[in-house]
Amino acid sequence: MSILAVILTMMLVNFPSLFITSHYWLFAKMDWVLNPRVDPIILLMPLSFFTKLFIVWVSLVFFFLAVLWGYLHFATGLTKFRL
């Protein structure tokens, strides 16, 4: 969770730089690089679209991790009071 919090903070500070760096790490070749002259979809979606999409994705990841943590926490009986 703390790694995701750091990534989210970095994304809020400088999204374009983080976007490019993460794609260099995730893809072995330069297949992710799209040419606007060949791939018009890039011209249709501004950078703010990708920023908002990333925020939604990170929010969903945090939500599902919280739900998983809550389920595991309550399912294992860690919430029982011990006297």
N, C-alpha and C. Protein backbone atom coordinates (compact mmCIF):
# COMPACT_ATOMS: atom_id res chain seq x y z
N MET A 1 0.82 -1.19 0.00
CA MET A 1 0.00 0.00 0.00
C MET A 1 0.87 1.25 0.00
N SER A 2 1.98 1.21 0.72
CA SER A 2 2.83 2.39 0.77
C SER A 2 3.50 2.66 -0.57
N ILE A 3 3.81 1.61 -1.31
CA ILE A 3 4.38 1.78 -2.66
C ILE A 3 3.36 2.46 -3.56
N LEU A 4 2.12 2.04 -3.47
CA LEU A 4 1.07 2.68 -4.27
C LEU A 4 0.88 4.14 -3.87
N ALA A 5 1.01 4.43 -2.59
CA ALA A 5 0.89 5.82 -2.14
C ALA A 5 2.02 6.68 -2.69
N VAL A 6 3.23 6.12 -2.73
CA VAL A 6 4.37 6.86 -3.30
C VAL A 6 4.15 7.09 -4.79
N ILE A 7 3.70 6.08 -5.51
CA ILE A 7 3.45 6.21 -6.95
C ILE A 7 2.36 7.25 -7.19
N LEU A 8 1.31 7.23 -6.39
CA LEU A 8 0.23 8.21 -6.55
C LEU A 8 0.75 9.63 -6.31
N THR A 9 1.58 9.81 -5.30
CA THR A 9 2.14 11.12 -5.02
C THR A 9 3.03 11.59 -6.17
N MET A 10 3.85 10.68 -6.67
CA MET A 10 4.71 11.02 -7.81
C MET A 10 3.87 11.38 -9.03
N MET A 11 2.78 10.66 -9.23
CA MET A 11 1.91 10.91 -10.37
C MET A 11 1.28 12.29 -10.27
N LEU A 12 0.90 12.70 -9.07
CA LEU A 12 0.28 14.00 -8.90
C LEU A 12 1.28 15.13 -9.11
N VAL A 13 2.54 14.87 -8.82
CA VAL A 13 3.57 15.90 -8.97
C VAL A 13 3.97 16.07 -10.42
N ASN A 14 4.27 14.95 -11.12
CA ASN A 14 4.77 15.04 -12.49
C ASN A 14 4.29 13.84 -13.29
N PHE A 15 3.04 13.86 -13.73
CA PHE A 15 2.47 12.71 -14.43
C PHE A 15 3.16 12.38 -15.74
N PRO A 16 3.44 13.32 -16.64
CA PRO A 16 4.05 12.94 -17.92
C PRO A 16 5.38 12.20 -17.77
N SER A 17 6.21 12.65 -16.85
CA SER A 17 7.49 11.99 -16.63
C SER A 17 7.29 10.58 -16.09
N LEU A 18 6.40 10.43 -15.12
CA LEU A 18 6.12 9.10 -14.56
C LEU A 18 5.51 8.18 -15.59
N PHE A 19 4.64 8.70 -16.43
CA PHE A 19 3.99 7.91 -17.47
C PHE A 19 5.03 7.33 -18.43
N ILE A 20 5.92 8.16 -18.89
CA ILE A 20 6.95 7.71 -19.85
C ILE A 20 7.90 6.72 -19.18
N THR A 21 8.36 7.02 -17.98
CA THR A 21 9.28 6.13 -17.27
C THR A 21 8.65 4.78 -17.00
N SER A 22 7.40 4.74 -16.57
CA SER A 22 6.75 3.46 -16.27
C SER A 22 6.57 2.63 -17.53
N HIS A 23 6.34 3.27 -18.66
CA HIS A 23 6.19 2.51 -19.89
C HIS A 23 7.54 1.99 -20.40
N TYR A 24 8.60 2.69 -20.12
CA TYR A 24 9.92 2.14 -20.44
C TYR A 24 10.18 0.88 -19.64
N TRP A 25 9.75 0.85 -18.37
CA TRP A 25 9.94 -0.32 -17.52
C TRP A 25 9.02 -1.47 -17.90
N LEU A 26 7.79 -1.17 -18.28
CA LEU A 26 6.80 -2.22 -18.51
C LEU A 26 6.93 -2.91 -19.86
N PHE A 27 7.43 -2.23 -20.86
CA PHE A 27 7.49 -2.79 -22.20
C PHE A 27 8.94 -2.96 -22.62
N ALA A 28 9.24 -4.15 -23.15
CA ALA A 28 10.61 -4.48 -23.53
C ALA A 28 11.08 -3.67 -24.72
N LYS A 29 10.24 -3.49 -25.70
CA LYS A 29 10.61 -2.73 -26.89
C LYS A 29 9.92 -1.38 -26.83
N MET A 30 10.03 -0.63 -27.87
CA MET A 30 9.37 0.67 -27.92
C MET A 30 7.99 0.54 -28.57
N ASP A 31 7.31 -0.59 -28.36
CA ASP A 31 6.00 -0.82 -28.96
C ASP A 31 4.92 0.11 -28.40
N TRP A 32 5.13 0.64 -27.23
CA TRP A 32 4.12 1.51 -26.62
C TRP A 32 4.14 2.91 -27.20
N VAL A 33 5.22 3.27 -27.87
CA VAL A 33 5.33 4.61 -28.43
C VAL A 33 4.46 4.69 -29.68
N LEU A 34 3.53 5.61 -29.69
CA LEU A 34 2.63 5.77 -30.83
C LEU A 34 2.97 7.05 -31.57
N ASN A 35 2.92 6.98 -32.86
CA ASN A 35 3.19 8.14 -33.70
C ASN A 35 1.87 8.83 -34.02
N PRO A 36 1.72 10.10 -33.68
CA PRO A 36 0.44 10.79 -33.93
C PRO A 36 0.06 10.83 -35.41
N ARG A 37 1.03 10.79 -36.29
CA ARG A 37 0.70 10.79 -37.72
C ARG A 37 0.13 9.45 -38.17
N VAL A 38 0.53 8.38 -37.50
CA VAL A 38 0.07 7.04 -37.86
C VAL A 38 -1.09 6.60 -36.96
N ASP A 39 -1.05 6.98 -35.71
CA ASP A 39 -2.06 6.57 -34.73
C ASP A 39 -2.86 7.79 -34.27
N PRO A 40 -3.95 8.09 -34.95
CA PRO A 40 -4.71 9.30 -34.61
C PRO A 40 -5.41 9.24 -33.26
N ILE A 41 -5.46 8.08 -32.63
CA ILE A 41 -6.13 7.99 -31.33
C ILE A 41 -5.43 8.87 -30.29
N ILE A 42 -4.12 9.07 -30.45
CA ILE A 42 -3.39 9.93 -29.53
C ILE A 42 -3.85 11.37 -29.66
N LEU A 43 -4.17 11.79 -30.86
CA LEU A 43 -4.66 13.16 -31.05
C LEU A 43 -6.05 13.35 -30.46
N LEU A 44 -6.83 12.28 -30.38
CA LEU A 44 -8.19 12.38 -29.86
C LEU A 44 -8.23 12.48 -28.34
N MET A 45 -7.21 11.92 -27.67
CA MET A 45 -7.21 11.90 -26.21
C MET A 45 -6.08 12.76 -25.68
N PRO A 46 -6.42 13.84 -24.99
CA PRO A 46 -5.37 14.71 -24.44
C PRO A 46 -4.71 14.08 -23.22
N LEU A 47 -3.63 14.68 -22.76
CA LEU A 47 -2.91 14.17 -21.60
C LEU A 47 -3.79 14.14 -20.36
N SER A 48 -4.71 15.07 -20.24
CA SER A 48 -5.59 15.07 -19.06
C SER A 48 -6.46 13.82 -19.00
N PHE A 49 -6.81 13.24 -20.16
CA PHE A 49 -7.57 12.00 -20.17
C PHE A 49 -6.77 10.88 -19.53
N PHE A 50 -5.50 10.76 -19.91
CA PHE A 50 -4.66 9.70 -19.35
C PHE A 50 -4.39 9.94 -17.87
N THR A 51 -4.28 11.18 -17.46
CA THR A 51 -4.10 11.50 -16.04
C THR A 51 -5.32 11.07 -15.24
N LYS A 52 -6.50 11.39 -15.71
CA LYS A 52 -7.73 11.01 -15.01
C LYS A 52 -7.91 9.49 -15.01
N LEU A 53 -7.57 8.84 -16.11
CA LEU A 53 -7.67 7.39 -16.19
C LEU A 53 -6.75 6.73 -15.17
N PHE A 54 -5.55 7.27 -15.02
CA PHE A 54 -4.61 6.73 -14.05
C PHE A 54 -5.11 6.93 -12.62
N ILE A 55 -5.69 8.09 -12.34
CA ILE A 55 -6.24 8.34 -11.01
C ILE A 55 -7.37 7.37 -10.70
N VAL A 56 -8.23 7.10 -11.66
CA VAL A 56 -9.32 6.12 -11.46
C VAL A 56 -8.74 4.74 -11.22
N TRP A 57 -7.71 4.36 -11.99
CA TRP A 57 -7.10 3.04 -11.84
C TRP A 57 -6.48 2.88 -10.46
N VAL A 58 -5.72 3.88 -10.01
CA VAL A 58 -5.09 3.81 -8.69
C VAL A 58 -6.15 3.78 -7.59
N SER A 59 -7.21 4.55 -7.75
CA SER A 59 -8.29 4.55 -6.77
C SER A 59 -8.94 3.18 -6.67
N LEU A 60 -9.18 2.55 -7.79
CA LEU A 60 -9.76 1.20 -7.77
C LEU A 60 -8.83 0.19 -7.13
N VAL A 61 -7.55 0.30 -7.40
CA VAL A 61 -6.58 -0.62 -6.78
C VAL A 61 -6.59 -0.44 -5.28
N PHE A 62 -6.55 0.82 -4.79
CA PHE A 62 -6.61 1.06 -3.35
C PHE A 62 -7.91 0.53 -2.76
N PHE A 63 -9.02 0.74 -3.43
CA PHE A 63 -10.31 0.27 -2.94
C PHE A 63 -10.33 -1.25 -2.80
N PHE A 64 -9.90 -1.96 -3.85
CA PHE A 64 -9.92 -3.42 -3.80
C PHE A 64 -8.91 -3.98 -2.81
N LEU A 65 -7.78 -3.32 -2.64
CA LEU A 65 -6.84 -3.75 -1.60
C LEU A 65 -7.43 -3.55 -0.21
N ALA A 66 -8.14 -2.46 0.00
CA ALA A 66 -8.78 -2.21 1.29
C ALA A 66 -9.88 -3.24 1.55
N VAL A 67 -10.65 -3.56 0.52
CA VAL A 67 -11.70 -4.59 0.67
C VAL A 67 -11.07 -5.94 0.98
N LEU A 68 -10.00 -6.29 0.27
CA LEU A 68 -9.31 -7.56 0.53
C LEU A 68 -8.75 -7.59 1.94
N TRP A 69 -8.12 -6.49 2.36
CA TRP A 69 -7.59 -6.44 3.71
C TRP A 69 -8.71 -6.59 4.74
N GLY A 70 -9.82 -5.89 4.53
CA GLY A 70 -10.95 -5.99 5.46
C GLY A 70 -11.51 -7.39 5.51
N TYR A 71 -11.65 -8.03 4.36
CA TYR A 71 -12.17 -9.39 4.33
C TYR A 71 -11.24 -10.34 5.07
N LEU A 72 -9.96 -10.26 4.77
CA LEU A 72 -9.00 -11.15 5.44
C LEU A 72 -8.92 -10.86 6.93
N HIS A 73 -9.03 -9.60 7.29
CA HIS A 73 -8.97 -9.21 8.70
C HIS A 73 -10.15 -9.79 9.47
N PHE A 74 -11.34 -9.66 8.91
CA PHE A 74 -12.53 -10.17 9.61
C PHE A 74 -12.69 -11.67 9.45
N ALA A 75 -12.27 -12.24 8.33
CA ALA A 75 -12.43 -13.68 8.11
C ALA A 75 -11.49 -14.49 8.99
N THR A 76 -10.34 -13.95 9.34
CA THR A 76 -9.40 -14.70 10.16
C THR A 76 -9.67 -14.54 11.65
N GLY A 77 -10.63 -13.73 12.00
CA GLY A 77 -10.99 -13.57 13.40
C GLY A 77 -10.07 -12.65 14.18
N LEU A 78 -9.35 -11.79 13.51
CA LEU A 78 -8.43 -10.88 14.20
C LEU A 78 -9.16 -9.78 14.93
N THR A 79 -10.45 -9.65 14.69
CA THR A 79 -11.20 -8.57 15.32
C THR A 79 -11.85 -8.99 16.64
N LYS A 80 -11.71 -10.24 17.02
CA LYS A 80 -12.32 -10.71 18.28
C LYS A 80 -11.59 -10.09 19.46
N PHE A 81 -12.37 -9.70 20.42
CA PHE A 81 -11.79 -9.11 21.63
C PHE A 81 -11.31 -10.22 22.54
N ARG A 82 -10.16 -10.03 23.07
CA ARG A 82 -9.59 -11.02 24.01
C ARG A 82 -9.45 -10.36 25.38
N LEU A 83 -9.91 -11.05 26.37
CA LEU A 83 -9.80 -10.52 27.75
C LEU A 83 -8.75 -11.22 28.52
